[in-house]
């Protein structure tokens, strides 16, 4: 009986000990999955080949696991993108557009890269991207390379940087040379 209790206790503690000792993709996804909701400020610069200067924007990001993500742009013009399940709602000025992501699988894969990372959904990320984590818990970089050739024709790489369970930057490099860099700051958990 004591031997069985010891074996059970050891099997329960082993993953915790391994988690504390090693920083890897499984540990990162576990930490991200623990963050059920949050809010942060963002600033984004989009570098487009057709423009001489980057397009700058800023606002608020909100996330509620497993599948709600809001990007509320405050400057230079108000805009909101709300992803709730399979529905993306875009509001600009007085116009509102609702899109089902199931009708746009490549767009869905791109959007899910961020939502799945925030949710710590390792399996969803692996289905669409080849993942590579570098760095340490205090400063890590997660690279996502599209597995689907059609998505890879548009998106070369998504690079997400952070510390522990907090994202600090999302960089998207498109196949046409355009790229965007979103800096995330002042992240706080919400209820």
Foldseek 3Di string as FASTA:
>chain_A
DVVVVVVVVCVVCVVVVCLVVDDDLLNQLVQLQVQQKKKWKKKKWKFDPVDPGTDIWIDMWIDGPDWWIKDFTDPPATWIWITDPQWTWIDGDPDIDIDGCVVPVLVVLVVVVVNCSNNSPPVSQVVFFDWDWDDDQQKIKIKTAGPDPVSCQFWGIWIWIDHHNDTAWIKTATPVGMIMIMGIDPMDGDD
